Amino acid sequence: MLISGWCWVPAAVLLALTAVGVSDLLQRRHSILRNYPILGHMRFLLEAVRPELQQYFIERNFDGRPYDRDVRSIVYERAKGTDAEEPFGTERDVDAVGYEYLVPSMAPRPVADRPPKVRVGGPGCTRPYDMALLNVSAMSFGALSTRAILALNEGAARGGFAHDTGEGGLSSYHLRPGGDLIWEIGTGYFGCRTKDGGFSEGEFADKAAHPLVKCVSLKLSQGAKPGIGGVLPGGKVNAEIARVREVPQGQTVISPPYHRVFGTPRELVRFIARIRELADGKPTGFKLCVTSRTQFLAVCKAMLAEDVTPDFIVVDGAEGGTGAAPLEFADHLGTPLTEGLTTVHAALVGTGLRDRIKIGASGKVATGADIVKRLVQGADYTNAARAMMFALGCIQAQRCHTNTCPTGVTTQDPRRARALDVADKAERVRRFQEATVHSALQIMASMGVTDPAELRPHMLRRRVNPTTVLPGDRLYDLLQPGQLLAEPPRSWAEDWAVADPDRFTI
C-alpha cells in the first residue's frame, strides 16, 4: 500500500466486508446471517428482486397475476396508439375447465359509428348523467400521486368519460382539468366530515353543488377488502392530503369498517334519498362487494317498502385492486365479480326494480372482451382502475403501499412523482379508453349486436368440464321480471323469505 495507492481500494472493500461479517455474527435478528455471514445477504437480495425476475423472465404471457403479460401489453399498446394485435393464434387452452368465450354471429353487423352512452338517473333524480361504457374507477388522492390524478382527470375530460374520485376526498387536482367526476363518499366521510368523524350535511351539499360533480357514490365496501375500511399509510399522508381528508398529518388513515349514518337496509335507502336531495337531484348510488344474497335482497325489500331506489349500483368484484389490504382479505373474502354481478342483476329483475337502477361493474376490466362479458352478465357500464394505471405507465411493481412506486403513479414522493408527465399520460388514458370501447363495439358487432341492450346471457359460454359447455343462462339462477314478488322459485325462496328490510341478516 505504501508503493501504490490503488491497493487501498481492495483493502477498503475487504475492511467493509469484514465489518459486515462481524455485524452479521453479532446481530440476533436473522438466523441466516449468523450462520452465513455476508453470503446470507444474497438471500435477501434475491427475495427483493423476485417479483421482477418472476414477471420478466419466468411467467408466461397468459398466466401472470394479478394481470398477465398479454393484458398489460394490450393496455400499453392501446395507450400508445399502436396496433394491439398478435400473430399465430391464442396461447390459451380453450379446452381447459373454466374457459369462457363469447358467441359470434353468422350475420355480423357493422360497427357502431359512435360509442353509446348510458343514461343514469331514476325516478328520484332530476339531473341525469350520460355515462360512458368504460370509466375511471375509484382511486383516491393519497393512494395516487397528484400528477396521476391530474392525468386521469384530464384524460377523462378529453375523452368524455367519468372519473371516480375514490373515498379520499375531492381535491383541487380532481377539479383543475375539468373532467366529469363521480364523488365517492366512504365510511371516513373524507371531505364532508365533522370533527368527530361523522357526516357533515352542509359541507357535503356545498361540494356536491360543484358543476363537475356529476354523480355521488356511497362506498359500502370494496372488492379487495370487504368488511374493512380503506388504509392510507402514514408515510403518504402529507400536509396537503391531510387537509383534503381533514385528518392528522403523518398518521396512518384507516377508514371505519361501517357507516355511522345507517345500520339497517331501510336506513341505507333513506340515506341514499337524503344525499340525493342534498346533491340537488344528481344521480346517487352505492358501491359494494356483494355479500350474502339474503342481505342484498333485504336492501331490495327496503327499496320497495320506501319506494326509494338508488340511480346506480356499482358491483365491485373480489378480484378488484387496492393500494393496501391484508393478504387474507384480498385472497379469501368477497364475491367474485361474475357471481356478484349476476346476483345483483337477477335480484333487481326479480323485484321489478331493474329498469329504475343502472348497474356498473368494476373488477379487472381491461379489454373490450371484459366490457362485453360484463354487459352480457347484467351490467350497463364498466369501470377500470388498474388498467387506467397501466395506461399511466404502471408496471405492476406492486409497491403501491410503500410510497416507492417506480413510475410515480402511487407515491407522494415528489422526486418519484415528477417522472409522470401529465400531458403525455392524459393522452394515453384517453387513447386507451377510446380504443378499448371501440374494441368492445367491434366484438358486439361480430356477435350480431349494435346496441348493448341486445346482449343476452346465452351469448357467453363457459366450459364446466372436459365435455360440457354451458351458456350463461344455464349457469346461474336468473329470474323473470317481478318473479320474486309473485312466486319465488325454489332456489331463491328461502333467501327471499329470510331477507328483512330492517336488519342485515346473513
Protein backbone atom coordinates (compact mmCIF):
# COMPACT_ATOMS: atom_id res chain seq x y z
CA MET A 1 0.00 0.00 0.00
CA LEU A 2 2.98 2.27 0.51
CA ILE A 3 4.07 1.61 -3.09
CA SER A 4 0.69 2.09 -4.83
CA GLY A 5 -2.41 3.96 -3.74
CA TRP A 6 -4.59 1.54 -5.72
CA CYS A 7 -4.07 -1.06 -3.02
CA TRP A 8 -6.33 0.96 -0.79
CA VAL A 9 -9.35 0.04 -2.96
CA PRO A 10 -9.34 -3.74 -2.32
CA ALA A 11 -8.26 -3.06 1.25
CA ALA A 12 -11.32 -0.85 1.78
CA VAL A 13 -13.57 -3.50 0.24
CA LEU A 14 -12.12 -6.21 2.49
CA LEU A 15 -12.48 -4.00 5.55
CA ALA A 16 -16.12 -3.27 4.67
CA LEU A 17 -16.85 -6.96 4.20
CA THR A 18 -15.15 -7.74 7.48
CA ALA A 19 -17.32 -5.16 9.23
CA VAL A 20 -20.45 -6.61 7.64
CA GLY A 21 -19.40 -10.13 8.65
CA VAL A 22 -18.75 -9.13 12.25
CA SER A 23 -22.08 -7.31 12.36
CA ASP A 24 -23.84 -10.38 10.98
CA LEU A 25 -22.30 -12.62 13.61
CA LEU A 26 -23.22 -10.31 16.48
CA GLN A 27 -26.78 -9.44 15.44
CA ARG A 28 -29.63 -11.60 16.78
CA ARG A 29 -32.47 -10.80 14.41
CA HIS A 30 -31.66 -13.05 11.42
CA SER A 31 -30.51 -16.64 11.95
CA ILE A 32 -29.40 -16.94 8.33
CA LEU A 33 -26.92 -14.08 8.72
CA ARG A 34 -25.49 -15.53 11.94
CA ASN A 35 -24.89 -18.88 10.25
CA TYR A 36 -23.85 -17.49 6.87
CA PRO A 37 -22.32 -14.03 7.39
CA ILE A 38 -22.04 -11.92 4.24
CA LEU A 39 -23.32 -14.71 1.94
CA GLY A 40 -26.68 -14.66 3.72
CA HIS A 41 -27.37 -11.22 2.28
CA MET A 42 -27.75 -12.83 -1.16
CA ARG A 43 -30.95 -14.43 0.08
CA PHE A 44 -32.49 -11.07 0.96
CA LEU A 45 -31.30 -9.55 -2.33
CA LEU A 46 -32.89 -12.31 -4.39
CA GLU A 47 -36.08 -12.03 -2.35
CA ALA A 48 -36.21 -8.29 -3.06
CA VAL A 49 -35.91 -8.73 -6.84
CA ARG A 50 -38.05 -11.88 -7.03
CA PRO A 51 -41.19 -10.10 -8.37
CA GLU A 52 -39.19 -8.56 -11.21
CA LEU A 53 -37.48 -11.85 -12.04
CA GLN A 54 -40.85 -13.62 -12.00
CA GLN A 55 -42.54 -11.03 -14.19
CA TYR A 56 -39.83 -10.57 -16.80
CA PHE A 57 -38.13 -13.95 -17.06
CA ILE A 58 -40.34 -16.75 -15.68
CA GLU A 59 -44.08 -16.20 -16.10
CA ARG A 60 -45.72 -16.96 -19.43
CA ASN A 61 -47.67 -14.36 -21.38
CA PHE A 62 -51.03 -15.57 -20.10
CA ASP A 63 -50.58 -16.77 -16.52
CA GLY A 64 -49.21 -13.79 -14.58
CA ARG A 65 -51.09 -12.34 -11.62
CA PRO A 66 -52.87 -10.03 -10.91
CA TYR A 67 -52.64 -9.12 -14.63
CA ASP A 68 -50.84 -11.28 -17.15
CA ARG A 69 -48.37 -10.01 -19.73
CA ASP A 70 -50.89 -10.21 -22.59
CA VAL A 71 -53.35 -7.91 -20.84
CA ARG A 72 -50.68 -5.45 -19.75
CA SER A 73 -49.29 -5.36 -23.28
CA ILE A 74 -52.65 -4.68 -24.88
CA VAL A 75 -53.24 -1.76 -22.48
CA TYR A 76 -49.77 -0.32 -23.14
CA GLU A 77 -50.20 -0.61 -26.90
CA ARG A 78 -53.62 0.99 -26.94
CA ALA A 79 -52.43 3.78 -24.66
CA LYS A 80 -49.54 4.46 -27.02
CA GLY A 81 -51.79 4.33 -30.08
CA THR A 82 -50.03 1.33 -31.63
CA ASP A 83 -51.60 -1.84 -33.02
CA ALA A 84 -52.72 -4.23 -30.28
CA GLU A 85 -52.57 -7.34 -32.45
CA GLU A 86 -50.85 -10.72 -32.15
CA PRO A 87 -49.88 -13.34 -34.77
CA PHE A 88 -50.24 -17.13 -34.85
CA GLY A 89 -53.32 -17.62 -32.65
CA THR A 90 -54.19 -17.84 -28.97
CA GLU A 91 -51.82 -19.22 -26.35
CA ARG A 92 -54.70 -20.05 -24.01
CA ASP A 93 -56.02 -23.56 -23.50
CA VAL A 94 -59.51 -23.39 -24.97
CA ASP A 95 -60.28 -26.90 -23.64
CA ALA A 96 -59.50 -26.00 -20.01
CA VAL A 97 -62.31 -26.11 -17.47
CA GLY A 98 -63.42 -22.52 -16.79
CA TYR A 99 -62.53 -21.23 -20.25
CA GLU A 100 -65.09 -18.61 -21.36
CA TYR A 101 -65.89 -17.33 -24.82
CA LEU A 102 -68.37 -15.01 -26.50
CA VAL A 103 -70.55 -16.40 -29.29
CA PRO A 104 -70.07 -14.82 -32.73
CA SER A 105 -72.92 -14.50 -35.21
CA MET A 106 -73.16 -15.85 -38.75
CA ALA A 107 -74.57 -12.43 -39.60
CA PRO A 108 -72.21 -9.82 -38.12
CA ARG A 109 -73.29 -6.18 -38.03
CA PRO A 110 -71.43 -3.01 -38.94
CA VAL A 111 -69.53 -1.45 -36.03
CA ALA A 112 -71.43 1.45 -34.45
CA ASP A 113 -70.14 4.85 -35.58
CA ARG A 114 -70.33 6.38 -32.11
CA PRO A 115 -69.98 4.68 -28.73
CA PRO A 116 -73.27 4.53 -26.83
CA LYS A 117 -73.86 6.34 -23.56
CA VAL A 118 -75.87 5.06 -20.61
CA ARG A 119 -78.44 7.44 -19.09
CA VAL A 120 -78.05 7.24 -15.29
CA GLY A 121 -80.96 8.66 -13.32
CA GLY A 122 -84.01 7.01 -11.82
CA PRO A 123 -87.37 8.41 -10.69
CA GLY A 124 -85.86 10.42 -7.83
CA CYS A 125 -83.17 12.02 -9.99
CA THR A 126 -83.71 15.41 -11.59
CA ARG A 127 -80.26 15.81 -13.20
CA PRO A 128 -79.42 12.54 -15.02
CA TYR A 129 -75.95 11.84 -16.39
CA ASP A 130 -74.89 10.04 -19.56
CA MET A 131 -72.23 7.50 -18.56
CA ALA A 132 -69.62 6.05 -20.92
CA LEU A 133 -69.22 2.28 -21.30
CA LEU A 134 -65.78 2.49 -19.63
CA ASN A 135 -64.81 4.99 -16.92
CA VAL A 136 -62.04 5.58 -14.40
CA SER A 137 -62.79 3.55 -11.29
CA ALA A 138 -62.32 4.74 -7.71
CA MET A 139 -58.73 5.66 -6.82
CA SER A 140 -58.14 8.24 -4.10
CA PHE A 141 -55.84 11.23 -3.96
CA GLY A 142 -53.27 9.98 -1.49
CA ALA A 143 -53.26 6.48 -2.88
CA LEU A 144 -52.35 8.10 -6.22
CA SER A 145 -49.95 10.97 -6.75
CA THR A 146 -51.12 14.47 -7.66
CA ARG A 147 -49.80 14.03 -11.20
CA ALA A 148 -51.62 10.74 -11.63
CA ILE A 149 -54.91 12.34 -10.54
CA LEU A 150 -54.36 15.26 -12.91
CA ALA A 151 -53.57 12.94 -15.84
CA LEU A 152 -56.58 10.70 -15.21
CA ASN A 153 -58.97 13.62 -14.97
CA GLU A 154 -57.56 15.39 -18.00
CA GLY A 155 -57.81 12.13 -19.95
CA ALA A 156 -61.43 11.81 -18.87
CA ALA A 157 -62.10 15.41 -19.93
CA ARG A 158 -60.58 14.81 -23.36
CA GLY A 159 -62.36 11.50 -23.88
CA GLY A 160 -65.77 12.36 -22.46
CA PHE A 161 -65.92 9.71 -19.74
CA ALA A 162 -66.24 9.87 -15.95
CA HIS A 163 -63.58 9.83 -13.22
CA ASP A 164 -64.45 8.38 -9.80
CA THR A 165 -62.60 10.28 -7.07
CA GLY A 166 -62.24 7.35 -4.67
CA GLU A 167 -63.05 7.84 -1.00
CA GLY A 168 -60.11 10.17 -0.28
CA GLY A 169 -61.98 13.42 -0.78
CA LEU A 170 -62.50 15.97 -3.52
CA SER A 171 -59.17 17.69 -4.22
CA SER A 172 -58.17 20.57 -6.47
CA TYR A 173 -56.37 18.03 -8.69
CA HIS A 174 -59.72 16.37 -9.44
CA LEU A 175 -61.26 19.71 -10.36
CA ARG A 176 -58.49 21.52 -12.22
CA PRO A 177 -58.55 19.66 -15.60
CA GLY A 178 -62.35 19.79 -15.93
CA GLY A 179 -63.27 16.11 -16.28
CA ASP A 180 -66.64 14.77 -15.14
CA LEU A 181 -66.49 13.44 -11.57
CA ILE A 182 -68.23 10.76 -9.57
CA TRP A 183 -67.64 11.84 -5.98
CA GLU A 184 -67.25 8.79 -3.78
CA ILE A 185 -68.13 9.02 -0.09
CA GLY A 186 -66.64 6.30 2.11
CA THR A 187 -67.02 5.40 5.76
CA GLY A 188 -64.49 8.07 6.74
CA TYR A 189 -66.58 10.81 5.06
CA PHE A 190 -63.37 12.48 3.87
CA GLY A 191 -64.09 15.93 2.51
CA CYS A 192 -67.52 16.13 4.18
CA ARG A 193 -66.57 15.18 7.70
CA THR A 194 -67.41 16.55 11.12
CA LYS A 195 -64.73 16.98 13.77
CA ASP A 196 -65.66 13.67 15.38
CA GLY A 197 -65.60 11.78 12.06
CA GLY A 198 -69.32 11.90 11.26
CA PHE A 199 -71.09 13.02 8.09
CA SER A 200 -71.40 16.77 7.54
CA GLU A 201 -74.51 17.55 5.51
CA GLY A 202 -73.57 21.19 5.00
CA GLU A 203 -70.06 20.53 3.72
CA PHE A 204 -71.33 17.71 1.52
CA ALA A 205 -74.01 19.90 -0.06
CA ASP A 206 -71.52 22.69 -0.77
CA LYS A 207 -69.07 20.40 -2.58
CA ALA A 208 -71.71 18.29 -4.35
CA ALA A 209 -73.00 21.51 -5.93
CA HIS A 210 -69.80 21.87 -7.97
CA PRO A 211 -70.72 21.62 -11.67
CA LEU A 212 -68.04 18.98 -12.33
CA VAL A 213 -69.56 16.63 -9.76
CA LYS A 214 -71.99 14.69 -11.93
CA CYS A 215 -72.82 11.77 -9.59
CA VAL A 216 -72.39 10.81 -5.94
CA SER A 217 -71.42 7.27 -4.94
CA LEU A 218 -71.68 5.90 -1.41
CA LYS A 219 -68.99 3.27 -0.85
CA LEU A 220 -70.30 0.38 1.25
CA SER A 221 -67.40 -1.98 0.62
CA GLN A 222 -64.50 -2.64 -1.74
CA GLY A 223 -63.85 -5.87 -3.58
CA ALA A 224 -60.27 -6.43 -2.46
CA LYS A 225 -61.06 -5.79 1.21
CA PRO A 226 -64.76 -6.15 2.01
CA GLY A 227 -65.65 -5.64 5.65
CA ILE A 228 -62.75 -3.31 6.50
CA GLY A 229 -62.12 0.33 5.71
CA GLY A 230 -59.52 1.78 3.39
CA VAL A 231 -55.92 2.16 4.55
CA LEU A 232 -53.56 5.03 3.70
CA PRO A 233 -50.10 4.57 5.27
CA GLY A 234 -48.89 7.50 7.38
CA GLY A 235 -45.85 8.00 5.15
CA LYS A 236 -48.15 9.11 2.34
CA VAL A 237 -50.26 11.49 4.48
CA ASN A 238 -48.54 14.79 3.76
CA ALA A 239 -49.93 18.21 4.68
CA GLU A 240 -51.98 18.54 1.51
CA ILE A 241 -53.59 15.11 1.81
CA ALA A 242 -54.28 15.74 5.49
CA ARG A 243 -56.07 18.98 4.56
CA VAL A 244 -58.18 17.34 1.82
CA ARG A 245 -59.14 14.40 4.03
CA GLU A 246 -59.39 16.51 7.19
CA VAL A 247 -57.16 14.12 9.17
CA PRO A 248 -53.85 14.49 11.11
CA GLN A 249 -50.71 14.73 9.01
CA GLY A 250 -48.27 11.80 9.06
CA GLN A 251 -50.66 9.35 10.71
CA THR A 252 -51.96 6.21 9.02
CA VAL A 253 -55.58 6.75 8.00
CA ILE A 254 -57.86 3.75 8.49
CA SER A 255 -61.47 4.23 7.49
CA PRO A 256 -64.05 2.63 9.79
CA PRO A 257 -65.40 -0.70 8.55
CA TYR A 258 -69.01 0.54 8.68
CA HIS A 259 -71.07 3.69 8.14
CA ARG A 260 -72.20 5.65 11.18
CA VAL A 261 -75.24 7.18 9.49
CA PHE A 262 -77.17 3.95 8.92
CA GLY A 263 -77.35 0.45 10.36
CA THR A 264 -80.22 -1.25 8.51
CA PRO A 265 -81.23 -1.68 4.85
CA ARG A 266 -84.12 0.74 5.34
CA GLU A 267 -81.81 3.39 6.84
CA LEU A 268 -79.39 2.89 3.93
CA VAL A 269 -82.14 3.52 1.39
CA ARG A 270 -83.33 6.60 3.26
CA PHE A 271 -79.77 7.94 3.42
CA ILE A 272 -79.39 7.49 -0.34
CA ALA A 273 -82.54 9.58 -0.78
CA ARG A 274 -81.20 12.21 1.63
CA ILE A 275 -77.83 12.66 -0.07
CA ARG A 276 -79.53 12.82 -3.47
CA GLU A 277 -81.64 15.65 -2.06
CA LEU A 278 -78.52 17.37 -0.69
CA ALA A 279 -76.86 16.95 -4.11
CA ASP A 280 -79.78 18.78 -5.73
CA GLY A 281 -81.08 15.73 -7.59
CA LYS A 282 -77.82 14.49 -9.10
CA PRO A 283 -77.58 10.71 -9.68
CA THR A 284 -76.77 8.98 -6.40
CA GLY A 285 -75.94 5.33 -5.80
CA PHE A 286 -73.70 2.96 -3.91
CA LYS A 287 -70.79 0.61 -4.50
CA LEU A 288 -70.37 -2.75 -2.83
CA CYS A 289 -68.66 -6.09 -2.98
CA VAL A 290 -71.68 -8.40 -2.82
CA THR A 291 -72.15 -10.21 0.48
CA SER A 292 -74.86 -12.81 1.02
CA ARG A 293 -77.79 -12.90 -1.35
CA THR A 294 -80.09 -12.50 1.65
CA GLN A 295 -78.58 -9.14 2.59
CA PHE A 296 -78.90 -7.71 -0.89
CA LEU A 297 -82.50 -8.93 -1.09
CA ALA A 298 -83.10 -7.14 2.22
CA VAL A 299 -81.96 -3.92 0.55
CA CYS A 300 -84.33 -4.63 -2.35
CA LYS A 301 -87.19 -5.10 0.11
CA ALA A 302 -86.27 -1.77 1.74
CA MET A 303 -86.34 -0.08 -1.67
CA LEU A 304 -89.81 -1.46 -2.30
CA ALA A 305 -91.07 -0.52 1.15
CA GLU A 306 -89.74 3.04 0.98
CA ASP A 307 -90.35 3.47 -2.77
CA VAL A 308 -86.79 4.80 -2.97
CA THR A 309 -84.12 3.45 -5.30
CA PRO A 310 -80.54 4.46 -5.98
CA ASP A 311 -79.85 5.67 -9.50
CA PHE A 312 -76.99 3.21 -9.88
CA ILE A 313 -75.24 0.36 -8.09
CA VAL A 314 -71.58 -0.39 -8.76
CA VAL A 315 -70.67 -4.03 -8.17
CA ASP A 316 -67.01 -4.47 -7.21
CA GLY A 317 -65.58 -7.97 -7.56
CA ALA A 318 -63.28 -9.71 -5.10
CA GLU A 319 -60.64 -9.67 -7.84
CA GLY A 320 -60.61 -5.86 -7.70
CA GLY A 321 -57.48 -3.94 -6.79
CA THR A 322 -56.37 -1.94 -3.77
CA GLY A 323 -53.46 0.18 -2.65
CA ALA A 324 -53.16 -1.66 0.68
CA ALA A 325 -55.07 -4.54 2.25
CA PRO A 326 -54.40 -7.63 4.39
CA LEU A 327 -53.48 -10.58 2.18
CA GLU A 328 -56.13 -12.78 3.80
CA PHE A 329 -58.87 -10.33 2.80
CA ALA A 330 -57.66 -9.99 -0.78
CA ASP A 331 -57.31 -13.76 -1.16
CA HIS A 332 -60.22 -15.19 0.78
CA LEU A 333 -63.08 -12.69 1.30
CA GLY A 334 -65.66 -11.31 -1.05
CA THR A 335 -67.73 -12.42 -4.01
CA PRO A 336 -66.04 -12.51 -7.44
CA LEU A 337 -67.46 -10.08 -9.97
CA THR A 338 -69.26 -12.66 -12.12
CA GLU A 339 -71.26 -14.07 -9.20
CA GLY A 340 -71.81 -10.67 -7.58
CA LEU A 341 -72.94 -9.03 -10.80
CA THR A 342 -75.37 -11.81 -11.74
CA THR A 343 -76.79 -11.79 -8.21
CA VAL A 344 -77.47 -8.05 -8.21
CA HIS A 345 -78.88 -8.07 -11.73
CA ALA A 346 -81.16 -11.06 -11.04
CA ALA A 347 -82.36 -9.64 -7.71
CA LEU A 348 -83.29 -6.30 -9.25
CA VAL A 349 -85.07 -8.04 -12.14
CA GLY A 350 -86.91 -10.36 -9.77
CA THR A 351 -88.13 -7.47 -7.62
CA GLY A 352 -89.20 -5.37 -10.60
CA LEU A 353 -86.63 -2.65 -9.88
CA ARG A 354 -84.15 -3.23 -12.69
CA ASP A 355 -85.48 -0.54 -15.03
CA ARG A 356 -85.03 2.10 -12.29
CA ILE A 357 -81.39 1.31 -11.49
CA LYS A 358 -78.28 1.18 -13.68
CA ILE A 359 -75.53 -1.30 -12.78
CA GLY A 360 -71.81 -0.61 -13.08
CA ALA A 361 -69.20 -3.39 -12.98
CA SER A 362 -65.71 -2.98 -11.55
CA GLY A 363 -63.00 -5.61 -11.14
CA LYS A 364 -60.22 -6.45 -13.63
CA VAL A 365 -61.88 -4.73 -16.58
CA ALA A 366 -59.08 -4.04 -19.04
CA THR A 367 -60.09 -5.13 -22.56
CA GLY A 368 -63.03 -4.85 -24.91
CA ALA A 369 -63.85 -8.50 -24.22
CA ASP A 370 -64.02 -7.72 -20.48
CA ILE A 371 -66.54 -4.96 -21.16
CA VAL A 372 -68.75 -7.18 -23.32
CA LYS A 373 -68.67 -10.05 -20.80
CA ARG A 374 -69.84 -7.76 -18.02
CA LEU A 375 -72.59 -6.28 -20.19
CA VAL A 376 -73.74 -9.81 -21.02
CA GLN A 377 -73.84 -10.62 -17.29
CA GLY A 378 -76.11 -7.69 -16.50
CA ALA A 379 -74.00 -4.53 -16.25
CA ASP A 380 -74.90 -1.31 -18.05
CA TYR A 381 -71.37 0.12 -17.93
CA THR A 382 -67.92 -0.67 -16.53
CA ASN A 383 -65.16 0.99 -14.52
CA ALA A 384 -61.42 0.27 -14.56
CA ALA A 385 -58.73 1.25 -12.05
CA ARG A 386 -55.56 -0.80 -12.56
CA ALA A 387 -55.95 -0.76 -16.34
CA MET A 388 -56.04 3.04 -16.18
CA MET A 389 -52.89 2.88 -14.05
CA PHE A 390 -51.22 0.80 -16.77
CA ALA A 391 -52.22 3.49 -19.26
CA LEU A 392 -50.41 5.98 -16.99
CA GLY A 393 -47.27 3.81 -17.12
CA CYS A 394 -47.71 1.49 -14.11
CA ILE A 395 -45.51 -1.63 -14.46
CA GLN A 396 -47.27 -3.74 -11.79
CA ALA A 397 -44.35 -3.36 -9.38
CA GLN A 398 -46.88 -3.87 -6.55
CA ARG A 399 -45.29 -1.24 -4.29
CA CYS A 400 -48.38 0.94 -4.08
CA HIS A 401 -48.39 0.95 -0.26
CA THR A 402 -44.66 1.69 0.19
CA ASN A 403 -44.51 5.22 -1.29
CA THR A 404 -41.71 3.95 -3.58
CA CYS A 405 -43.66 3.48 -6.83
CA PRO A 406 -41.01 3.49 -9.59
CA THR A 407 -43.28 5.18 -12.15
CA GLY A 408 -44.68 7.99 -9.99
CA VAL A 409 -48.28 6.73 -10.10
CA THR A 410 -48.84 5.70 -6.46
CA THR A 411 -46.40 7.82 -4.49
CA GLN A 412 -46.31 11.12 -2.65
CA ASP A 413 -42.53 11.37 -3.09
CA PRO A 414 -42.09 14.49 -5.30
CA ARG A 415 -38.87 13.14 -6.80
CA ARG A 416 -40.56 9.94 -7.98
CA ALA A 417 -43.83 11.60 -8.99
CA ARG A 418 -42.10 14.16 -11.23
CA ALA A 419 -41.34 11.36 -13.71
CA LEU A 420 -45.02 11.26 -14.68
CA ASP A 421 -45.68 13.80 -17.45
CA VAL A 422 -49.30 14.89 -17.09
CA ALA A 423 -49.99 15.96 -20.68
CA ASP A 424 -48.50 12.81 -22.19
CA LYS A 425 -50.16 10.42 -19.74
CA ALA A 426 -53.54 12.14 -20.08
CA GLU A 427 -53.48 11.45 -23.80
CA ARG A 428 -52.50 7.84 -23.13
CA VAL A 429 -55.51 7.46 -20.81
CA ARG A 430 -57.81 8.95 -23.46
CA ARG A 431 -56.42 6.71 -26.20
CA PHE A 432 -56.71 3.59 -24.06
CA GLN A 433 -60.34 4.26 -23.14
CA GLU A 434 -61.31 5.10 -26.72
CA ALA A 435 -59.57 2.05 -28.23
CA THR A 436 -60.96 -0.32 -25.59
CA VAL A 437 -64.55 0.86 -26.05
CA HIS A 438 -64.10 0.59 -29.82
CA SER A 439 -62.84 -2.98 -29.34
CA ALA A 440 -65.99 -3.75 -27.32
CA LEU A 441 -68.15 -2.36 -30.14
CA GLN A 442 -66.25 -4.49 -32.67
CA ILE A 443 -66.85 -7.61 -30.58
CA MET A 444 -70.55 -6.82 -30.23
CA ALA A 445 -70.83 -6.27 -33.98
CA SER A 446 -69.23 -9.67 -34.60
CA MET A 447 -71.90 -11.12 -32.29
CA GLY A 448 -74.64 -9.54 -34.43
CA VAL A 449 -75.34 -6.78 -31.89
CA THR A 450 -75.19 -2.99 -32.29
CA ASP A 451 -76.86 -1.97 -29.01
CA PRO A 452 -75.63 -3.30 -25.64
CA ALA A 453 -79.29 -3.80 -24.66
CA GLU A 454 -79.43 -6.63 -27.22
CA LEU A 455 -76.82 -8.71 -25.36
CA ARG A 456 -78.17 -11.80 -23.60
CA PRO A 457 -76.72 -14.25 -21.04
CA HIS A 458 -76.63 -17.15 -23.50
CA MET A 459 -74.10 -15.26 -25.63
CA LEU A 460 -71.35 -16.06 -23.09
CA ARG A 461 -70.33 -19.72 -22.76
CA ARG A 462 -68.19 -21.49 -20.17
CA ARG A 463 -66.60 -24.94 -20.23
CA VAL A 464 -67.64 -26.61 -16.97
CA ASN A 465 -65.96 -29.98 -17.57
CA PRO A 466 -63.91 -31.56 -20.38
CA THR A 467 -67.01 -32.46 -22.40
CA THR A 468 -69.62 -29.83 -21.42
CA VAL A 469 -70.04 -26.18 -22.31
CA LEU A 470 -72.96 -24.22 -20.83
CA PRO A 471 -74.45 -20.84 -21.78
CA GLY A 472 -74.73 -18.13 -19.15
CA ASP A 473 -78.48 -18.51 -18.70
CA ARG A 474 -77.95 -22.12 -17.52
CA LEU A 475 -75.05 -21.35 -15.20
CA TYR A 476 -76.90 -19.07 -12.77
CA ASP A 477 -80.35 -18.73 -11.18
CA LEU A 478 -81.75 -15.94 -13.31
CA LEU A 479 -85.22 -14.50 -12.76
CA GLN A 480 -88.10 -13.09 -14.75
CA PRO A 481 -89.29 -9.51 -14.10
CA GLY A 482 -91.19 -9.37 -10.81
CA GLN A 483 -90.86 -13.11 -10.20
CA LEU A 484 -89.81 -12.73 -6.56
CA LEU A 485 -92.91 -10.68 -5.83
CA ALA A 486 -95.24 -13.21 -7.43
CA GLU A 487 -93.86 -16.71 -6.81
CA PRO A 488 -90.16 -17.03 -5.90
CA PRO A 489 -88.51 -20.10 -7.43
CA ARG A 490 -87.26 -22.75 -5.01
CA SER A 491 -83.62 -21.68 -5.39
CA TRP A 492 -84.47 -18.12 -4.23
CA ALA A 493 -87.42 -18.73 -1.92
CA GLU A 494 -85.54 -19.24 1.35
CA ASP A 495 -83.29 -16.20 0.89
CA TRP A 496 -86.28 -14.07 -0.06
CA ALA A 497 -88.26 -15.20 2.98
CA VAL A 498 -85.38 -14.50 5.41
CA ALA A 499 -84.49 -11.09 3.94
CA ASP A 500 -85.52 -8.35 6.37
CA PRO A 501 -85.59 -4.67 5.37
CA ASP A 502 -84.91 -3.70 8.99
CA ARG A 503 -81.74 -5.68 9.61
CA PHE A 504 -78.78 -7.13 7.76
CA THR A 505 -79.30 -10.88 8.21
CA ILE A 506 -76.62 -13.16 6.80
